[in-house]
Each structure stands twice: as C-alpha cells, then as structure tokens.
Amino acid sequence: MRRILLPVFCLLAVVMLAGCYPKGQIYGVGNEGGLIFAVNPPDAEVVLDGVVQGKASEFTEERYLKVAGGAHTLELRLAGFETYRRDLYVSNSLLRIEATLVRAGY
C-alpha cells in the first residue's frame, strides 16, 4: 500500500507547486510568497529588485506576483507621478500592497 500512496502524494505535490496558486493554497508552501496590489492609478508599473514585472492591476488574489522569500525592493512607477519605493520582506503568504501615487510636482 505504501508503494501506491507515495507516487500519488508526489504527483499531488508536483501539481500544487506548478503554476499560479489560488489564495488559499499559498500559505505554508516552501519559501515563496506572493504580492497583490491595490494601487491608484492601477496601471502603475511594478518593479521588483530592478526588474519590471507588469502593471499593478495584473496582480490580484487570483493571479498574484510570485516572489521568493526574503528582503526585496519594490517600486511603483508611472509617467507624471513620483516613484513609490518600499523595502519589504516576503514570507510564504500573500502581502497586499496598497498605495496611491502622488502626481509629480505637487
């Protein structure tokens, strides 16, 4: 019986570790976390550790930005607005980033 259960367990582990996770499945999964965004304006560009990831509106609870656990630098950029910059620590859970960008020159 052990021979049958082990391959099934391994198969389930592989399926759970691939692709995007639904919100309820990310907690406690290895050393990876996720970022979701509530940003105004929503088309601000997400830059993590100097690498452009996409628009903030693309990363929701259903499709969050996967991030390795540890310290990171986050920037939100949009032409005509001041850059939002924040150092953060990601663990194996979802972190919601809420920000309102300020128009440049105000």
PDB file of N, CA and C in Angstrom:
ATOM      1  N   MET A   1       0.824  -1.196   0.000  1.00  0.00           N
ATOM      2  CA  MET A   1       0.000   0.000   0.000  1.00  0.00           C
ATOM      3  C   MET A   1       0.861   1.250   0.000  1.00  0.00           C
ATOM      4  N   ARG A   2       1.987   1.230   0.637  1.00  0.00           N
ATOM      5  CA  ARG A   2       2.879   2.387   0.636  1.00  0.00           C
ATOM      6  C   ARG A   2       3.356   2.724  -0.767  1.00  0.00           C
ATOM      7  N   ARG A   3       3.584   1.737  -1.571  1.00  0.00           N
ATOM      8  CA  ARG A   3       4.058   1.982  -2.934  1.00  0.00           C
ATOM      9  C   ARG A   3       3.021   2.738  -3.757  1.00  0.00           C
ATOM     10  N   ILE A   4       1.777   2.545  -3.504  1.00  0.00           N
ATOM     11  CA  ILE A   4       0.716   3.232  -4.245  1.00  0.00           C
ATOM     12  C   ILE A   4       0.546   4.659  -3.732  1.00  0.00           C
ATOM     13  N   LEU A   5       0.572   4.874  -2.434  1.00  0.00           N
ATOM     14  CA  LEU A   5       0.350   6.200  -1.872  1.00  0.00           C
ATOM     15  C   LEU A   5       1.489   7.159  -2.165  1.00  0.00           C
ATOM     16  N   LEU A   6       2.715   6.695  -2.133  1.00  0.00           N
ATOM     17  CA  LEU A   6       3.850   7.583  -2.356  1.00  0.00           C
ATOM     18  C   LEU A   6       3.814   8.235  -3.732  1.00  0.00           C
ATOM     19  N   PRO A   7       3.620   7.491  -4.831  1.00  0.00           N
ATOM     20  CA  PRO A   7       3.558   8.157  -6.135  1.00  0.00           C
ATOM     21  C   PRO A   7       2.388   9.136  -6.246  1.00  0.00           C
ATOM     22  N   VAL A   8       1.246   8.811  -5.651  1.00  0.00           N
ATOM     23  CA  VAL A   8       0.108   9.722  -5.696  1.00  0.00           C
ATOM     24  C   VAL A   8       0.446  10.998  -4.929  1.00  0.00           C
ATOM     25  N   PHE A   9       1.053  10.880  -3.772  1.00  0.00           N
ATOM     26  CA  PHE A   9       1.446  12.055  -2.990  1.00  0.00           C
ATOM     27  C   PHE A   9       2.439  12.905  -3.772  1.00  0.00           C
ATOM     28  N   CYS A  10       3.438  12.276  -4.388  1.00  0.00           N
ATOM     29  CA  CYS A  10       4.422  13.025  -5.174  1.00  0.00           C
ATOM     30  C   CYS A  10       3.766  13.741  -6.340  1.00  0.00           C
ATOM     31  N   LEU A  11       2.828  13.107  -6.999  1.00  0.00           N
ATOM     32  CA  LEU A  11       2.119  13.727  -8.107  1.00  0.00           C
ATOM     33  C   LEU A  11       1.343  14.943  -7.627  1.00  0.00           C
ATOM     34  N   LEU A  12       0.649  14.831  -6.489  1.00  0.00           N
ATOM     35  CA  LEU A  12      -0.083  15.969  -5.943  1.00  0.00           C
ATOM     36  C   LEU A  12       0.854  17.105  -5.578  1.00  0.00           C
ATOM     37  N   ALA A  13       2.011  16.797  -5.028  1.00  0.00           N
ATOM     38  CA  ALA A  13       2.969  17.836  -4.659  1.00  0.00           C
ATOM     39  C   ALA A  13       3.463  18.575  -5.892  1.00  0.00           C
ATOM     40  N   VAL A  14       3.709  17.864  -6.979  1.00  0.00           N
ATOM     41  CA  VAL A  14       4.172  18.494  -8.212  1.00  0.00           C
ATOM     42  C   VAL A  14       3.094  19.398  -8.779  1.00  0.00           C
ATOM     43  N   VAL A  15       1.855  18.954  -8.776  1.00  0.00           N
ATOM     44  CA  VAL A  15       0.760  19.762  -9.297  1.00  0.00           C
ATOM     45  C   VAL A  15       0.589  21.028  -8.466  1.00  0.00           C
ATOM     46  N   MET A  16       0.690  20.930  -7.152  1.00  0.00           N
ATOM     47  CA  MET A  16       0.499  22.093  -6.298  1.00  0.00           C
ATOM     48  C   MET A  16       1.640  23.101  -6.429  1.00  0.00           C
ATOM     49  N   LEU A  17       2.833  22.669  -6.781  1.00  0.00           N
ATOM     50  CA  LEU A  17       3.964  23.576  -6.844  1.00  0.00           C
ATOM     51  C   LEU A  17       4.124  24.245  -8.211  1.00  0.00           C
ATOM     52  N   ALA A  18       3.328  23.872  -9.189  1.00  0.00           N
ATOM     53  CA  ALA A  18       3.447  24.461 -10.530  1.00  0.00           C
ATOM     54  C   ALA A  18       2.328  25.462 -10.762  1.00  0.00           C
ATOM     55  N   GLY A  19       2.602  26.501 -11.548  1.00  0.00           N
ATOM     56  CA  GLY A  19       1.583  27.468 -11.941  1.00  0.00           C
ATOM     57  C   GLY A  19       1.250  28.449 -10.840  1.00  0.00           C
ATOM     58  N   CYS A  20       0.132  29.158 -11.027  1.00  0.00           N
ATOM     59  CA  CYS A  20      -0.333  30.145 -10.050  1.00  0.00           C
ATOM     60  C   CYS A  20      -1.139  29.447  -8.962  1.00  0.00           C
ATOM     61  N   TYR A  21      -0.991  29.925  -7.766  1.00  0.00           N
ATOM     62  CA  TYR A  21      -1.738  29.361  -6.650  1.00  0.00           C
ATOM     63  C   TYR A  21      -2.991  30.180  -6.388  1.00  0.00           C
ATOM     64  N   PRO A  22      -4.111  29.527  -6.089  1.00  0.00           N
ATOM     65  CA  PRO A  22      -5.239  30.284  -5.529  1.00  0.00           C
ATOM     66  C   PRO A  22      -4.825  30.792  -4.155  1.00  0.00           C
ATOM     67  N   LYS A  23      -5.455  31.845  -3.695  1.00  0.00           N
ATOM     68  CA  LYS A  23      -5.093  32.489  -2.426  1.00  0.00           C
ATOM     69  C   LYS A  23      -4.951  31.488  -1.290  1.00  0.00           C
ATOM     70  N   GLY A  24      -5.885  30.577  -1.134  1.00  0.00           N
ATOM     71  CA  GLY A  24      -5.878  29.660  -0.009  1.00  0.00           C
ATOM     72  C   GLY A  24      -4.757  28.647  -0.030  1.00  0.00           C
ATOM     73  N   GLN A  25      -4.081  28.459  -1.154  1.00  0.00           N
ATOM     74  CA  GLN A  25      -3.060  27.422  -1.236  1.00  0.00           C
ATOM     75  C   GLN A  25      -1.642  27.923  -1.034  1.00  0.00           C
ATOM     76  N   ILE A  26      -1.424  29.215  -0.992  1.00  0.00           N
ATOM     77  CA  ILE A  26      -0.043  29.692  -0.895  1.00  0.00           C
ATOM     78  C   ILE A  26       0.522  29.578   0.511  1.00  0.00           C
ATOM     79  N   TYR A  27      -0.299  29.676   1.513  1.00  0.00           N
ATOM     80  CA  TYR A  27       0.191  29.683   2.889  1.00  0.00           C
ATOM     81  C   TYR A  27       0.893  28.380   3.225  1.00  0.00           C
ATOM     82  N   GLY A  28       2.115  28.489   3.710  1.00  0.00           N
ATOM     83  CA  GLY A  28       2.862  27.315   4.135  1.00  0.00           C
ATOM     84  C   GLY A  28       3.525  26.549   3.012  1.00  0.00           C
ATOM     85  N   VAL A  29       3.611  27.119   1.803  1.00  0.00           N
ATOM     86  CA  VAL A  29       4.212  26.410   0.678  1.00  0.00           C
ATOM     87  C   VAL A  29       5.653  26.890   0.504  1.00  0.00           C
ATOM     88  N   GLY A  30       6.595  26.126   1.019  1.00  0.00           N
ATOM     89  CA  GLY A  30       8.005  26.418   0.817  1.00  0.00           C
ATOM     90  C   GLY A  30       8.430  27.816   1.215  1.00  0.00           C
ATOM     91  N   ASN A  31       9.385  28.353   0.483  1.00  0.00           N
ATOM     92  CA  ASN A  31       9.936  29.671   0.772  1.00  0.00           C
ATOM     93  C   ASN A  31       9.529  30.652  -0.321  1.00  0.00           C
ATOM     94  N   GLU A  32       8.283  30.631  -0.709  1.00  0.00           N
ATOM     95  CA  GLU A  32       7.771  31.510  -1.752  1.00  0.00           C
ATOM     96  C   GLU A  32       6.520  32.203  -1.255  1.00  0.00           C
ATOM     97  N   GLY A  33       6.392  33.480  -1.583  1.00  0.00           N
ATOM     98  CA  GLY A  33       5.212  34.237  -1.204  1.00  0.00           C
ATOM     99  C   GLY A  33       4.619  34.898  -2.426  1.00  0.00           C
ATOM    100  N   GLY A  34       3.696  35.795  -2.177  1.00  0.00           N
ATOM    101  CA  GLY A  34       3.067  36.484  -3.289  1.00  0.00           C
ATOM    102  C   GLY A  34       2.699  37.912  -2.934  1.00  0.00           C
ATOM    103  N   LEU A  35       2.674  38.766  -3.954  1.00  0.00           N
ATOM    104  CA  LEU A  35       2.276  40.150  -3.783  1.00  0.00           C
ATOM    105  C   LEU A  35       1.017  40.409  -4.593  1.00  0.00           C
ATOM    106  N   ILE A  36       0.068  41.093  -3.966  1.00  0.00           N
ATOM    107  CA  ILE A  36      -1.110  41.578  -4.667  1.00  0.00           C
ATOM    108  C   ILE A  36      -1.151  43.088  -4.472  1.00  0.00           C
ATOM    109  N   PHE A  37      -1.779  43.786  -5.405  1.00  0.00           N
ATOM    110  CA  PHE A  37      -1.704  45.238  -5.399  1.00  0.00           C
ATOM    111  C   PHE A  37      -3.076  45.887  -5.451  1.00  0.00           C
ATOM    112  N   ALA A  38      -3.233  46.953  -4.679  1.00  0.00           N
ATOM    113  CA  ALA A  38      -4.370  47.868  -4.739  1.00  0.00           C
ATOM    114  C   ALA A  38      -3.740  49.246  -4.889  1.00  0.00           C
ATOM    115  N   VAL A  39      -3.480  49.634  -6.135  1.00  0.00           N
ATOM    116  CA  VAL A  39      -2.717  50.843  -6.429  1.00  0.00           C
ATOM    117  C   VAL A  39      -3.558  51.813  -7.242  1.00  0.00           C
ATOM    118  N   ASN A  40      -3.433  53.086  -6.905  1.00  0.00           N
ATOM    119  CA  ASN A  40      -4.106  54.125  -7.664  1.00  0.00           C
ATOM    120  C   ASN A  40      -3.019  55.055  -8.209  1.00  0.00           C
ATOM    121  N   PRO A  41      -2.896  55.212  -9.507  1.00  0.00           N
ATOM    122  CA  PRO A  41      -3.639  54.589 -10.596  1.00  0.00           C
ATOM    123  C   PRO A  41      -3.216  53.125 -10.808  1.00  0.00           C
ATOM    124  N   PRO A  42      -4.166  52.288 -11.232  1.00  0.00           N
ATOM    125  CA  PRO A  42      -3.916  50.850 -11.329  1.00  0.00           C
ATOM    126  C   PRO A  42      -2.950  50.434 -12.438  1.00  0.00           C
ATOM    127  N   ASP A  43      -2.669  51.326 -13.388  1.00  0.00           N
ATOM    128  CA  ASP A  43      -1.752  50.946 -14.463  1.00  0.00           C
ATOM    129  C   ASP A  43      -0.293  51.282 -14.147  1.00  0.00           C
ATOM    130  N   ALA A  44      -0.002  51.554 -12.870  1.00  0.00           N
ATOM    131  CA  ALA A  44       1.389  51.790 -12.454  1.00  0.00           C
ATOM    132  C   ALA A  44       2.211  50.531 -12.703  1.00  0.00           C
ATOM    133  N   GLU A  45       3.451  50.738 -13.092  1.00  0.00           N
ATOM    134  CA  GLU A  45       4.370  49.649 -13.391  1.00  0.00           C
ATOM    135  C   GLU A  45       4.984  49.122 -12.100  1.00  0.00           C
ATOM    136  N   VAL A  46       4.982  47.807 -11.921  1.00  0.00           N
ATOM    137  CA  VAL A  46       5.576  47.159 -10.748  1.00  0.00           C
ATOM    138  C   VAL A  46       7.015  46.771 -11.086  1.00  0.00           C
ATOM    139  N   VAL A  47       7.963  47.251 -10.277  1.00  0.00           N
ATOM    140  CA  VAL A  47       9.379  46.931 -10.460  1.00  0.00           C
ATOM    141  C   VAL A  47       9.862  46.294  -9.157  1.00  0.00           C
ATOM    142  N   LEU A  48      10.299  45.049  -9.236  1.00  0.00           N
ATOM    143  CA  LEU A  48      10.773  44.329  -8.059  1.00  0.00           C
ATOM    144  C   LEU A  48      12.258  44.041  -8.225  1.00  0.00           C
ATOM    145  N   ASP A  49      13.054  44.550  -7.312  1.00  0.00           N
ATOM    146  CA  ASP A  49      14.509  44.371  -7.353  1.00  0.00           C
ATOM    147  C   ASP A  49      15.083  44.800  -8.706  1.00  0.00           C
ATOM    148  N   GLY A  50      14.556  45.898  -9.262  1.00  0.00           N
ATOM    149  CA  GLY A  50      15.066  46.444 -10.512  1.00  0.00           C
ATOM    150  C   GLY A  50      14.534  45.794 -11.777  1.00  0.00           C
ATOM    151  N   VAL A  51      13.642  44.818 -11.652  1.00  0.00           N
ATOM    152  CA  VAL A  51      13.105  44.104 -12.813  1.00  0.00           C
ATOM    153  C   VAL A  51      11.618  44.421 -12.961  1.00  0.00           C
ATOM    154  N   VAL A  52      11.225  44.899 -14.143  1.00  0.00           N
ATOM    155  CA  VAL A  52       9.816  45.212 -14.407  1.00  0.00           C
ATOM    156  C   VAL A  52       9.006  43.917 -14.437  1.00  0.00           C
ATOM    157  N   GLN A  53       7.888  43.896 -13.677  1.00  0.00           N
ATOM    158  CA  GLN A  53       7.051  42.706 -13.566  1.00  0.00           C
ATOM    159  C   GLN A  53       5.733  42.823 -14.335  1.00  0.00           C
ATOM    160  N   GLY A  54       5.268  44.045 -14.557  1.00  0.00           N
ATOM    161  CA  GLY A  54       3.988  44.272 -15.231  1.00  0.00           C
ATOM    162  C   GLY A  54       3.243  45.395 -14.535  1.00  0.00           C
ATOM    163  N   LYS A  55       1.968  45.550 -14.884  1.00  0.00           N
ATOM    164  CA  LYS A  55       1.131  46.584 -14.261  1.00  0.00           C
ATOM    165  C   LYS A  55       0.553  46.074 -12.947  1.00  0.00           C
ATOM    166  N   ALA A  56       0.361  46.986 -12.007  1.00  0.00           N
ATOM    167  CA  ALA A  56      -0.174  46.614 -10.692  1.00  0.00           C
ATOM    168  C   ALA A  56      -1.531  45.930 -10.818  1.00  0.00           C
ATOM    169  N   SER A  57      -2.356  46.372 -11.761  1.00  0.00           N
ATOM    170  CA  SER A  57      -3.696  45.805 -11.920  1.00  0.00           C
ATOM    171  C   SER A  57      -3.677  44.341 -12.359  1.00  0.00           C
ATOM    172  N   GLU A  58      -2.557  43.856 -12.841  1.00  0.00           N
ATOM    173  CA  GLU A  58      -2.447  42.459 -13.281  1.00  0.00           C
ATOM    174  C   GLU A  58      -2.300  41.488 -12.117  1.00  0.00           C
ATOM    175  N   PHE A  59      -1.922  41.981 -10.945  1.00  0.00           N
ATOM    176  CA  PHE A  59      -1.610  41.101  -9.821  1.00  0.00           C
ATOM    177  C   PHE A  59      -2.695  41.198  -8.752  1.00  0.00           C
ATOM    178  N   THR A  60      -3.603  40.239  -8.782  1.00  0.00           N
ATOM    179  CA  THR A  60      -4.735  40.178  -7.866  1.00  0.00           C
ATOM    180  C   THR A  60      -4.608  38.917  -7.020  1.00  0.00           C
ATOM    181  N   GLU A  61      -5.568  38.684  -6.155  1.00  0.00           N
ATOM    182  CA  GLU A  61      -5.554  37.458  -5.350  1.00  0.00           C
ATOM    183  C   GLU A  61      -5.650  36.222  -6.230  1.00  0.00           C
ATOM    184  N   GLU A  62      -6.317  36.330  -7.359  1.00  0.00           N
ATOM    185  CA  GLU A  62      -6.448  35.186  -8.255  1.00  0.00           C
ATOM    186  C   GLU A  62      -5.173  34.950  -9.068  1.00  0.00           C
ATOM    187  N   ARG A  63      -4.420  36.013  -9.319  1.00  0.00           N
ATOM    188  CA  ARG A  63      -3.182  35.902 -10.104  1.00  0.00           C
ATOM    189  C   ARG A  63      -2.147  36.848  -9.506  1.00  0.00           C
ATOM    190  N   TYR A  64      -1.547  36.431  -8.427  1.00  0.00           N
ATOM    191  CA  TYR A  64      -0.605  37.289  -7.716  1.00  0.00           C
ATOM    192  C   TYR A  64       0.805  37.143  -8.281  1.00  0.00           C
ATOM    193  N   LEU A  65       1.673  38.064  -7.895  1.00  0.00           N
ATOM    194  CA  LEU A  65       3.073  38.033  -8.302  1.00  0.00           C
ATOM    195  C   LEU A  65       3.831  37.100  -7.361  1.00  0.00           C
ATOM    196  N   LYS A  66       4.353  36.003  -7.882  1.00  0.00           N
ATOM    197  CA  LYS A  66       5.135  35.071  -7.064  1.00  0.00           C
ATOM    198  C   LYS A  66       6.493  35.687  -6.765  1.00  0.00           C
ATOM    199  N   VAL A  67       6.893  35.591  -5.496  1.00  0.00           N
ATOM    200  CA  VAL A  67       8.149  36.202  -5.053  1.00  0.00           C
ATOM    201  C   VAL A  67       8.859  35.238  -4.106  1.00  0.00           C
ATOM    202  N   ALA A  68      10.170  35.087  -4.300  1.00  0.00           N
ATOM    203  CA  ALA A  68      10.966  34.268  -3.385  1.00  0.00           C
ATOM    204  C   ALA A  68      10.975  34.929  -2.010  1.00  0.00           C
ATOM    205  N   GLY A  69      10.979  34.122  -0.970  1.00  0.00           N
ATOM    206  CA  GLY A  69      11.017  34.653   0.381  1.00  0.00           C
ATOM    207  C   GLY A  69      12.293  35.452   0.627  1.00  0.00           C
ATOM    208  N   GLY A  70      12.192  36.495   1.453  1.00  0.00           N
ATOM    209  CA  GLY A  70      13.356  37.294   1.797  1.00  0.00           C
ATOM    210  C   GLY A  70      13.126  38.776   1.568  1.00  0.00           C
ATOM    211  N   ALA A  71      14.211  39.547   1.649  1.00  0.00           N
ATOM    212  CA  ALA A  71      14.140  41.002   1.514  1.00  0.00           C
ATOM    213  C   ALA A  71      14.139  41.403   0.037  1.00  0.00           C
ATOM    214  N   HIS A  72      13.299  42.380  -0.298  1.00  0.00           N
ATOM    215  CA  HIS A  72      13.168  42.866  -1.672  1.00  0.00           C
ATOM    216  C   HIS A  72      12.940  44.376  -1.667  1.00  0.00           C
ATOM    217  N   THR A  73      13.206  44.998  -2.814  1.00  0.00           N
ATOM    218  CA  THR A  73      12.903  46.410  -3.014  1.00  0.00           C
ATOM    219  C   THR A  73      11.817  46.508  -4.071  1.00  0.00           C
ATOM    220  N   LEU A  74      10.746  47.209  -3.733  1.00  0.00           N
ATOM    221  CA  LEU A  74       9.605  47.371  -4.626  1.00  0.00           C
ATOM    222  C   LEU A  74       9.507  48.823  -5.063  1.00  0.00           C
ATOM    223  N   GLU A  75       9.249  49.027  -6.340  1.00  0.00           N
ATOM    224  CA  GLU A  75       8.971  50.360  -6.863  1.00  0.00           C
ATOM    225  C   GLU A  75       7.701  50.297  -7.693  1.00  0.00           C
ATOM    226  N   LEU A  76       6.894  51.356  -7.607  1.00  0.00           N
ATOM    227  CA  LEU A  76       5.724  51.536  -8.460  1.00  0.00           C
ATOM    228  C   LEU A  76       5.978  52.802  -9.255  1.00  0.00           C
ATOM    229  N   ARG A  77       5.930  52.707 -10.588  1.00  0.00           N
ATOM    230  CA  ARG A  77       6.280  53.830 -11.448  1.00  0.00           C
ATOM    231  C   ARG A  77       5.170  54.101 -12.460  1.00  0.00           C
ATOM    232  N   LEU A  78       4.996  55.386 -12.764  1.00  0.00           N
ATOM    233  CA  LEU A  78       4.083  55.805 -13.819  1.00  0.00           C
ATOM    234  C   LEU A  78       4.477  57.219 -14.220  1.00  0.00           C
ATOM    235  N   ALA A  79       4.553  57.466 -15.523  1.00  0.00           N
ATOM    236  CA  ALA A  79       4.928  58.789 -16.022  1.00  0.00           C
ATOM    237  C   ALA A  79       3.993  59.842 -15.438  1.00  0.00           C
ATOM    238  N   GLY A  80       4.572  60.946 -14.968  1.00  0.00           N
ATOM    239  CA  GLY A  80       3.797  62.040 -14.391  1.00  0.00           C
ATOM    240  C   GLY A  80       3.557  61.906 -12.902  1.00  0.00           C
ATOM    241  N   PHE A  81       4.040  60.813 -12.301  1.00  0.00           N
ATOM    242  CA  PHE A  81       3.857  60.562 -10.869  1.00  0.00           C
ATOM    243  C   PHE A  81       5.211  60.309 -10.214  1.00  0.00           C
ATOM    244  N   GLU A  82       5.307  60.612  -8.922  1.00  0.00           N
ATOM    245  CA  GLU A  82       6.514  60.289  -8.164  1.00  0.00           C
ATOM    246  C   GLU A  82       6.603  58.780  -7.987  1.00  0.00           C
ATOM    247  N   THR A  83       7.817  58.266  -8.022  1.00  0.00           N
ATOM    248  CA  THR A  83       8.027  56.826  -7.837  1.00  0.00           C
ATOM    249  C   THR A  83       7.788  56.453  -6.380  1.00  0.00           C
ATOM    250  N   TYR A  84       6.999  55.403  -6.170  1.00  0.00           N
ATOM    251  CA  TYR A  84       6.760  54.851  -4.838  1.00  0.00           C
ATOM    252  C   TYR A  84       7.837  53.797  -4.614  1.00  0.00           C
ATOM    253  N   ARG A  85       8.573  53.868  -3.522  1.00  0.00           N
ATOM    254  CA  ARG A  85       9.659  52.942  -3.243  1.00  0.00           C
ATOM    255  C   ARG A  85       9.489  52.394  -1.838  1.00  0.00           C
ATOM    256  N   ARG A  86       9.670  51.083  -1.695  1.00  0.00           N
ATOM    257  CA  ARG A  86       9.499  50.455  -0.389  1.00  0.00           C
ATOM    258  C   ARG A  86      10.358  49.200  -0.296  1.00  0.00           C
ATOM    259  N   ASP A  87      11.039  49.045   0.827  1.00  0.00           N
ATOM    260  CA  ASP A  87      11.730  47.795   1.124  1.00  0.00           C
ATOM    261  C   ASP A  87      10.736  46.906   1.853  1.00  0.00           C
ATOM    262  N   LEU A  88      10.711  45.636   1.485  1.00  0.00           N
ATOM    263  CA  LEU A  88       9.762  44.731   2.139  1.00  0.00           C
ATOM    264  C   LEU A  88      10.381  43.365   2.328  1.00  0.00           C
ATOM    265  N   TYR A  89       9.765  42.607   3.219  1.00  0.00           N
ATOM    266  CA  TYR A  89      10.192  41.238   3.481  1.00  0.00           C
ATOM    267  C   TYR A  89       9.033  40.319   3.136  1.00  0.00           C
ATOM    268  N   VAL A  90       9.300  39.349   2.284  1.00  0.00           N
ATOM    269  CA  VAL A  90       8.269  38.418   1.838  1.00  0.00           C
ATOM    270  C   VAL A  90       8.473  37.078   2.524  1.00  0.00           C
ATOM    271  N   SER A  91       7.373  36.521   3.043  1.00  0.00           N
ATOM    272  CA  SER A  91       7.414  35.176   3.610  1.00  0.00           C
ATOM    273  C   SER A  91       6.470  34.306   2.779  1.00  0.00           C
ATOM    274  N   ASN A  92       6.081  33.172   3.283  1.00  0.00           N
ATOM    275  CA  ASN A  92       5.243  32.262   2.500  1.00  0.00           C
ATOM    276  C   ASN A  92       3.753  32.565   2.686  1.00  0.00           C
ATOM    277  N   SER A  93       3.382  33.794   2.354  1.00  0.00           N
ATOM    278  CA  SER A  93       1.978  34.201   2.393  1.00  0.00           C
ATOM    279  C   SER A  93       1.786  35.339   1.400  1.00  0.00           C
ATOM    280  N   LEU A  94       0.564  35.794   1.255  1.00  0.00           N
ATOM    281  CA  LEU A  94       0.279  36.916   0.372  1.00  0.00           C
ATOM    282  C   LEU A  94       0.447  38.223   1.126  1.00  0.00           C
ATOM    283  N   LEU A  95       1.077  39.184   0.487  1.00  0.00           N
ATOM    284  CA  LEU A  95       1.255  40.514   1.050  1.00  0.00           C
ATOM    285  C   LEU A  95       0.528  41.492   0.141  1.00  0.00           C
ATOM    286  N   ARG A  96      -0.406  42.243   0.700  1.00  0.00           N
ATOM    287  CA  ARG A  96      -1.172  43.212  -0.076  1.00  0.00           C
ATOM    288  C   ARG A  96      -0.495  44.570   0.012  1.00  0.00           C
ATOM    289  N   ILE A  97      -0.177  45.138  -1.143  1.00  0.00           N
ATOM    290  CA  ILE A  97       0.459  46.442  -1.224  1.00  0.00           C
ATOM    291  C   ILE A  97      -0.616  47.459  -1.622  1.00  0.00           C
ATOM    292  N   GLU A  98      -0.875  48.409  -0.750  1.00  0.00           N
ATOM    293  CA  GLU A  98      -1.846  49.481  -1.037  1.00  0.00           C
ATOM    294  C   GLU A  98      -1.084  50.791  -1.128  1.00  0.00           C
ATOM    295  N   ALA A  99      -1.268  51.500  -2.253  1.00  0.00           N
ATOM    296  CA  ALA A  99      -0.541  52.755  -2.451  1.00  0.00           C
ATOM    297  C   ALA A  99      -1.314  53.663  -3.394  1.00  0.00           C
ATOM    298  N   THR A 100      -1.181  54.953  -3.179  1.00  0.00           N
ATOM    299  CA  THR A 100      -1.696  55.969  -4.100  1.00  0.00           C
ATOM    300  C   THR A 100      -0.511  56.808  -4.521  1.00  0.00           C
ATOM    301  N   LEU A 101      -0.236  56.805  -5.821  1.00  0.00           N
ATOM    302  CA  LEU A 101       0.892  57.560  -6.328  1.00  0.00           C
ATOM    303  C   LEU A 101       0.547  59.048  -6.336  1.00  0.00           C
ATOM    304  N   VAL A 102       1.566  59.863  -6.055  1.00  0.00           N
ATOM    305  CA  VAL A 102       1.405  61.317  -5.997  1.00  0.00           C
ATOM    306  C   VAL A 102       1.875  61.915  -7.315  1.00  0.00           C
ATOM    307  N   ARG A 103       1.077  62.826  -7.868  1.00  0.00           N
ATOM    308  CA  ARG A 103       1.478  63.493  -9.114  1.00  0.00           C
ATOM    309  C   ARG A 103       2.795  64.234  -8.895  1.00  0.00           C
ATOM    310  N   ALA A 104       3.680  64.150  -9.859  1.00  0.00           N
ATOM    311  CA  ALA A 104       4.972  64.826  -9.776  1.00  0.00           C
ATOM    312  C   ALA A 104       4.768  66.338  -9.760  1.00  0.00           C
ATOM    313  N   GLY A 105       5.530  67.033  -8.923  1.00  0.00           N
ATOM    314  CA  GLY A 105       5.469  68.474  -8.841  1.00  0.00           C
ATOM    315  C   GLY A 105       4.439  69.010  -7.870  1.00  0.00           C
ATOM    316  N   TYR A 106       3.758  68.137  -7.131  1.00  0.00           N
ATOM    317  CA  TYR A 106       2.751  68.599  -6.154  1.00  0.00           C
ATOM    318  C   TYR A 106       3.233  68.409  -4.759  1.00  0.00           C
TER     319      TYR A 106
END
